[in-house]
Amino acid sequence: MAQITNKYDDLPDVLDVYDIKQYLRIGRVQAYELANSGAFRVVKLNRRIKIPKRSFIDWLEGREKN
């Protein structure tokens, strides 16, 4: 029997801009612009940008940003 998996199971709990780039199949510059747009919650650690998985999924599914 085939196991049903969630379409987000392969994403790490905390995403990098690279993860967003790969998942959405967009360019590097576009991924950084999206991460800096305020569309979803990001955490900046020095020069690194981290995105909570839940925040990204909520944005992707059209839920409001809290």
PDB file of N, CA and C in Angstrom:
ATOM      1  N   MET A   1       0.852  -1.179   0.000  1.00  0.00           N
ATOM      2  CA  MET A   1       0.000   0.000   0.000  1.00  0.00           C
ATOM      3  C   MET A   1       0.898   1.243   0.000  1.00  0.00           C
ATOM      4  N   ALA A   2       0.627   2.186  -0.878  1.00  0.00           N
ATOM      5  CA  ALA A   2       1.426   3.403  -0.992  1.00  0.00           C
ATOM      6  C   ALA A   2       1.141   4.335   0.178  1.00  0.00           C
ATOM      7  N   GLN A   3       2.193   4.940   0.663  1.00  0.00           N
ATOM      8  CA  GLN A   3       2.052   5.877   1.775  1.00  0.00           C
ATOM      9  C   GLN A   3       1.757   7.266   1.214  1.00  0.00           C
ATOM     10  N   ILE A   4       0.757   7.925   1.774  1.00  0.00           N
ATOM     11  CA  ILE A   4       0.399   9.275   1.353  1.00  0.00           C
ATOM     12  C   ILE A   4       1.282  10.254   2.118  1.00  0.00           C
ATOM     13  N   THR A   5       1.937  11.157   1.389  1.00  0.00           N
ATOM     14  CA  THR A   5       2.797  12.151   2.032  1.00  0.00           C
ATOM     15  C   THR A   5       2.268  13.549   1.754  1.00  0.00           C
ATOM     16  N   ASN A   6       2.528  14.426   2.673  1.00  0.00           N
ATOM     17  CA  ASN A   6       2.177  15.829   2.542  1.00  0.00           C
ATOM     18  C   ASN A   6       3.129  16.459   1.535  1.00  0.00           C
ATOM     19  N   LYS A   7       2.634  17.361   0.702  1.00  0.00           N
ATOM     20  CA  LYS A   7       3.483  17.979  -0.309  1.00  0.00           C
ATOM     21  C   LYS A   7       4.572  18.875   0.285  1.00  0.00           C
ATOM     22  N   TYR A   8       4.485  19.160   1.580  1.00  0.00           N
ATOM     23  CA  TYR A   8       5.486  20.003   2.240  1.00  0.00           C
ATOM     24  C   TYR A   8       6.452  19.205   3.112  1.00  0.00           C
ATOM     25  N   ASP A   9       6.301  17.894   3.165  1.00  0.00           N
ATOM     26  CA  ASP A   9       7.131  17.064   4.038  1.00  0.00           C
ATOM     27  C   ASP A   9       8.621  17.172   3.735  1.00  0.00           C
ATOM     28  N   ASP A  10       8.976  17.399   2.484  1.00  0.00           N
ATOM     29  CA  ASP A  10      10.390  17.466   2.113  1.00  0.00           C
ATOM     30  C   ASP A  10      11.064  18.780   2.504  1.00  0.00           C
ATOM     31  N   LEU A  11      10.263  19.775   2.868  1.00  0.00           N
ATOM     32  CA  LEU A  11      10.845  21.057   3.269  1.00  0.00           C
ATOM     33  C   LEU A  11      11.369  20.973   4.701  1.00  0.00           C
ATOM     34  N   PRO A  12      12.530  21.593   4.959  1.00  0.00           N
ATOM     35  CA  PRO A  12      13.029  21.630   6.341  1.00  0.00           C
ATOM     36  C   PRO A  12      12.145  22.538   7.196  1.00  0.00           C
ATOM     37  N   ASP A  13      12.227  22.410   8.511  1.00  0.00           N
ATOM     38  CA  ASP A  13      11.415  23.229   9.420  1.00  0.00           C
ATOM     39  C   ASP A  13      11.769  24.709   9.330  1.00  0.00           C
ATOM     40  N   VAL A  14      13.022  24.992   9.037  1.00  0.00           N
ATOM     41  CA  VAL A  14      13.481  26.362   8.853  1.00  0.00           C
ATOM     42  C   VAL A  14      14.120  26.441   7.471  1.00  0.00           C
ATOM     43  N   LEU A  15      13.561  27.306   6.635  1.00  0.00           N
ATOM     44  CA  LEU A  15      14.003  27.410   5.245  1.00  0.00           C
ATOM     45  C   LEU A  15      15.055  28.489   5.059  1.00  0.00           C
ATOM     46  N   ASP A  16      15.881  28.304   4.057  1.00  0.00           N
ATOM     47  CA  ASP A  16      16.795  29.334   3.574  1.00  0.00           C
ATOM     48  C   ASP A  16      16.198  29.898   2.297  1.00  0.00           C
ATOM     49  N   VAL A  17      16.746  30.992   1.811  1.00  0.00           N
ATOM     50  CA  VAL A  17      16.308  31.556   0.540  1.00  0.00           C
ATOM     51  C   VAL A  17      16.517  30.522  -0.575  1.00  0.00           C
ATOM     52  N   TYR A  18      17.582  29.752  -0.482  1.00  0.00           N
ATOM     53  CA  TYR A  18      17.852  28.705  -1.470  1.00  0.00           C
ATOM     54  C   TYR A  18      16.705  27.693  -1.524  1.00  0.00           C
ATOM     55  N   ASP A  19      16.153  27.324  -0.365  1.00  0.00           N
ATOM     56  CA  ASP A  19      15.040  26.375  -0.328  1.00  0.00           C
ATOM     57  C   ASP A  19      13.817  26.938  -1.049  1.00  0.00           C
ATOM     58  N   ILE A  20      13.549  28.222  -0.835  1.00  0.00           N
ATOM     59  CA  ILE A  20      12.428  28.877  -1.507  1.00  0.00           C
ATOM     60  C   ILE A  20      12.676  28.920  -3.010  1.00  0.00           C
ATOM     61  N   LYS A  21      13.887  29.244  -3.381  1.00  0.00           N
ATOM     62  CA  LYS A  21      14.273  29.283  -4.797  1.00  0.00           C
ATOM     63  C   LYS A  21      14.014  27.932  -5.454  1.00  0.00           C
ATOM     64  N   GLN A  22      14.449  26.875  -4.825  1.00  0.00           N
ATOM     65  CA  GLN A  22      14.298  25.534  -5.376  1.00  0.00           C
ATOM     66  C   GLN A  22      12.825  25.117  -5.419  1.00  0.00           C
ATOM     67  N   TYR A  23      12.099  25.373  -4.349  1.00  0.00           N
ATOM     68  CA  TYR A  23      10.711  24.940  -4.255  1.00  0.00           C
ATOM     69  C   TYR A  23       9.829  25.651  -5.283  1.00  0.00           C
ATOM     70  N   LEU A  24      10.023  26.966  -5.429  1.00  0.00           N
ATOM     71  CA  LEU A  24       9.199  27.745  -6.348  1.00  0.00           C
ATOM     72  C   LEU A  24       9.760  27.769  -7.772  1.00  0.00           C
ATOM     73  N   ARG A  25      10.975  27.261  -7.928  1.00  0.00           N
ATOM     74  CA  ARG A  25      11.653  27.256  -9.232  1.00  0.00           C
ATOM     75  C   ARG A  25      11.745  28.659  -9.809  1.00  0.00           C
ATOM     76  N   ILE A  26      12.301  29.552  -8.978  1.00  0.00           N
ATOM     77  CA  ILE A  26      12.524  30.934  -9.384  1.00  0.00           C
ATOM     78  C   ILE A  26      14.004  31.235  -9.264  1.00  0.00           C
ATOM     79  N   GLY A  27      14.408  32.380  -9.754  1.00  0.00           N
ATOM     80  CA  GLY A  27      15.802  32.780  -9.700  1.00  0.00           C
ATOM     81  C   GLY A  27      16.230  33.231  -8.313  1.00  0.00           C
ATOM     82  N   ARG A  28      17.538  33.335  -8.121  1.00  0.00           N
ATOM     83  CA  ARG A  28      18.108  33.746  -6.836  1.00  0.00           C
ATOM     84  C   ARG A  28      17.657  35.153  -6.457  1.00  0.00           C
ATOM     85  N   VAL A  29      17.747  36.073  -7.401  1.00  0.00           N
ATOM     86  CA  VAL A  29      17.354  37.459  -7.123  1.00  0.00           C
ATOM     87  C   VAL A  29      15.870  37.527  -6.770  1.00  0.00           C
ATOM     88  N   GLN A  30      15.049  36.804  -7.502  1.00  0.00           N
ATOM     89  CA  GLN A  30      13.613  36.794  -7.213  1.00  0.00           C
ATOM     90  C   GLN A  30      13.330  36.211  -5.834  1.00  0.00           C
ATOM     91  N   ALA A  31      14.058  35.189  -5.447  1.00  0.00           N
ATOM     92  CA  ALA A  31      13.874  34.569  -4.131  1.00  0.00           C
ATOM     93  C   ALA A  31      14.236  35.557  -3.019  1.00  0.00           C
ATOM     94  N   TYR A  32      15.335  36.292  -3.194  1.00  0.00           N
ATOM     95  CA  TYR A  32      15.711  37.301  -2.194  1.00  0.00           C
ATOM     96  C   TYR A  32      14.699  38.441  -2.149  1.00  0.00           C
ATOM     97  N   GLU A  33      14.206  38.862  -3.303  1.00  0.00           N
ATOM     98  CA  GLU A  33      13.195  39.921  -3.331  1.00  0.00           C
ATOM     99  C   GLU A  33      11.927  39.467  -2.597  1.00  0.00           C
ATOM    100  N   LEU A  34      11.531  38.237  -2.819  1.00  0.00           N
ATOM    101  CA  LEU A  34      10.357  37.692  -2.144  1.00  0.00           C
ATOM    102  C   LEU A  34      10.573  37.629  -0.635  1.00  0.00           C
ATOM    103  N   ALA A  35      11.743  37.138  -0.223  1.00  0.00           N
ATOM    104  CA  ALA A  35      12.043  37.028   1.206  1.00  0.00           C
ATOM    105  C   ALA A  35      12.062  38.397   1.884  1.00  0.00           C
ATOM    106  N   ASN A  36      12.487  39.416   1.166  1.00  0.00           N
ATOM    107  CA  ASN A  36      12.568  40.764   1.729  1.00  0.00           C
ATOM    108  C   ASN A  36      11.302  41.587   1.514  1.00  0.00           C
ATOM    109  N   SER A  37      10.299  41.003   0.886  1.00  0.00           N
ATOM    110  CA  SER A  37       9.074  41.743   0.545  1.00  0.00           C
ATOM    111  C   SER A  37       8.121  41.921   1.722  1.00  0.00           C
ATOM    112  N   GLY A  38       8.301  41.126   2.767  1.00  0.00           N
ATOM    113  CA  GLY A  38       7.376  41.189   3.895  1.00  0.00           C
ATOM    114  C   GLY A  38       6.163  40.297   3.708  1.00  0.00           C
ATOM    115  N   ALA A  39       6.162  39.467   2.672  1.00  0.00           N
ATOM    116  CA  ALA A  39       5.033  38.580   2.397  1.00  0.00           C
ATOM    117  C   ALA A  39       4.864  37.515   3.478  1.00  0.00           C
ATOM    118  N   PHE A  40       5.959  37.116   4.086  1.00  0.00           N
ATOM    119  CA  PHE A  40       5.928  36.132   5.164  1.00  0.00           C
ATOM    120  C   PHE A  40       7.032  36.471   6.159  1.00  0.00           C
ATOM    121  N   ARG A  41       6.948  35.853   7.309  1.00  0.00           N
ATOM    122  CA  ARG A  41       7.882  36.133   8.402  1.00  0.00           C
ATOM    123  C   ARG A  41       9.280  35.620   8.068  1.00  0.00           C
ATOM    124  N   VAL A  42      10.270  36.456   8.320  1.00  0.00           N
ATOM    125  CA  VAL A  42      11.663  36.051   8.164  1.00  0.00           C
ATOM    126  C   VAL A  42      12.432  36.415   9.422  1.00  0.00           C
ATOM    127  N   VAL A  43      13.500  35.694   9.655  1.00  0.00           N
ATOM    128  CA  VAL A  43      14.400  35.988  10.763  1.00  0.00           C
ATOM    129  C   VAL A  43      15.763  36.240  10.143  1.00  0.00           C
ATOM    130  N   LYS A  44      16.327  37.399  10.452  1.00  0.00           N
ATOM    131  CA  LYS A  44      17.637  37.736   9.905  1.00  0.00           C
ATOM    132  C   LYS A  44      18.695  37.524  10.979  1.00  0.00           C
ATOM    133  N   LEU A  45      19.666  36.704  10.640  1.00  0.00           N
ATOM    134  CA  LEU A  45      20.796  36.402  11.515  1.00  0.00           C
ATOM    135  C   LEU A  45      22.059  36.861  10.804  1.00  0.00           C
ATOM    136  N   ASN A  46      22.533  38.038  11.199  1.00  0.00           N
ATOM    137  CA  ASN A  46      23.625  38.684  10.489  1.00  0.00           C
ATOM    138  C   ASN A  46      23.226  38.824   9.021  1.00  0.00           C
ATOM    139  N   ARG A  47      23.917  38.153   8.123  1.00  0.00           N
ATOM    140  CA  ARG A  47      23.597  38.256   6.697  1.00  0.00           C
ATOM    141  C   ARG A  47      22.704  37.120   6.201  1.00  0.00           C
ATOM    142  N   ARG A  48      22.344  36.220   7.075  1.00  0.00           N
ATOM    143  CA  ARG A  48      21.518  35.071   6.682  1.00  0.00           C
ATOM    144  C   ARG A  48      20.044  35.372   6.904  1.00  0.00           C
ATOM    145  N   ILE A  49      19.230  34.819   6.026  1.00  0.00           N
ATOM    146  CA  ILE A  49      17.782  34.960   6.128  1.00  0.00           C
ATOM    147  C   ILE A  49      17.203  33.560   6.341  1.00  0.00           C
ATOM    148  N   LYS A  50      16.429  33.416   7.406  1.00  0.00           N
ATOM    149  CA  LYS A  50      15.771  32.150   7.719  1.00  0.00           C
ATOM    150  C   LYS A  50      14.266  32.378   7.709  1.00  0.00           C
ATOM    151  N   ILE A  51      13.535  31.413   7.186  1.00  0.00           N
ATOM    152  CA  ILE A  51      12.090  31.518   7.067  1.00  0.00           C
ATOM    153  C   ILE A  51      11.437  30.315   7.744  1.00  0.00           C
ATOM    154  N   PRO A  52      10.586  30.546   8.734  1.00  0.00           N
ATOM    155  CA  PRO A  52       9.877  29.425   9.351  1.00  0.00           C
ATOM    156  C   PRO A  52       8.980  28.732   8.313  1.00  0.00           C
ATOM    157  N   LYS A  53       9.030  27.443   8.274  1.00  0.00           N
ATOM    158  CA  LYS A  53       8.263  26.646   7.304  1.00  0.00           C
ATOM    159  C   LYS A  53       6.778  26.993   7.350  1.00  0.00           C
ATOM    160  N   ARG A  54       6.228  27.089   8.549  1.00  0.00           N
ATOM    161  CA  ARG A  54       4.797  27.370   8.699  1.00  0.00           C
ATOM    162  C   ARG A  54       4.438  28.711   8.073  1.00  0.00           C
ATOM    163  N   SER A  55       5.275  29.725   8.260  1.00  0.00           N
ATOM    164  CA  SER A  55       5.021  31.046   7.705  1.00  0.00           C
ATOM    165  C   SER A  55       5.016  30.998   6.175  1.00  0.00           C
ATOM    166  N   PHE A  56       5.966  30.279   5.610  1.00  0.00           N
ATOM    167  CA  PHE A  56       6.049  30.142   4.151  1.00  0.00           C
ATOM    168  C   PHE A  56       4.832  29.399   3.599  1.00  0.00           C
ATOM    169  N   ILE A  57       4.444  28.319   4.239  1.00  0.00           N
ATOM    170  CA  ILE A  57       3.292  27.533   3.780  1.00  0.00           C
ATOM    171  C   ILE A  57       2.009  28.362   3.880  1.00  0.00           C
ATOM    172  N   ASP A  58       1.846  29.099   4.977  1.00  0.00           N
ATOM    173  CA  ASP A  58       0.666  29.952   5.120  1.00  0.00           C
ATOM    174  C   ASP A  58       0.595  30.962   3.983  1.00  0.00           C
ATOM    175  N   TRP A  59       1.724  31.574   3.642  1.00  0.00           N
ATOM    176  CA  TRP A  59       1.760  32.532   2.536  1.00  0.00           C
ATOM    177  C   TRP A  59       1.437  31.834   1.212  1.00  0.00           C
ATOM    178  N   LEU A  60       2.036  30.685   1.001  1.00  0.00           N
ATOM    179  CA  LEU A  60       1.849  29.956  -0.244  1.00  0.00           C
ATOM    180  C   LEU A  60       0.391  29.543  -0.441  1.00  0.00           C
ATOM    181  N   GLU A  61      -0.285  29.232   0.636  1.00  0.00           N
ATOM    182  CA  GLU A  61      -1.683  28.808   0.558  1.00  0.00           C
ATOM    183  C   GLU A  61      -2.662  29.969   0.680  1.00  0.00           C
ATOM    184  N   GLY A  62      -2.147  31.199   0.730  1.00  0.00           N
ATOM    185  CA  GLY A  62      -3.012  32.364   0.722  1.00  0.00           C
ATOM    186  C   GLY A  62      -3.580  32.774   2.049  1.00  0.00           C
ATOM    187  N   ARG A  63      -3.010  32.249   3.135  1.00  0.00           N
ATOM    188  CA  ARG A  63      -3.484  32.653   4.465  1.00  0.00           C
ATOM    189  C   ARG A  63      -2.856  34.001   4.831  1.00  0.00           C
ATOM    190  N   GLU A  64      -3.551  34.735   5.642  1.00  0.00           N
ATOM    191  CA  GLU A  64      -3.071  36.052   6.071  1.00  0.00           C
ATOM    192  C   GLU A  64      -1.816  35.959   6.907  1.00  0.00           C
ATOM    193  N   LYS A  65      -0.963  36.959   6.770  1.00  0.00           N
ATOM    194  CA  LYS A  65       0.235  37.067   7.602  1.00  0.00           C
ATOM    195  C   LYS A  65      -0.163  37.645   8.943  1.00  0.00           C
ATOM    196  N   ASN A  66       0.312  37.024  10.041  1.00  0.00           N
ATOM    197  CA  ASN A  66       0.002  37.522  11.394  1.00  0.00           C
ATOM    198  C   ASN A  66       1.136  38.372  11.895  1.00  0.00           C
TER     199      ASN A  66
END
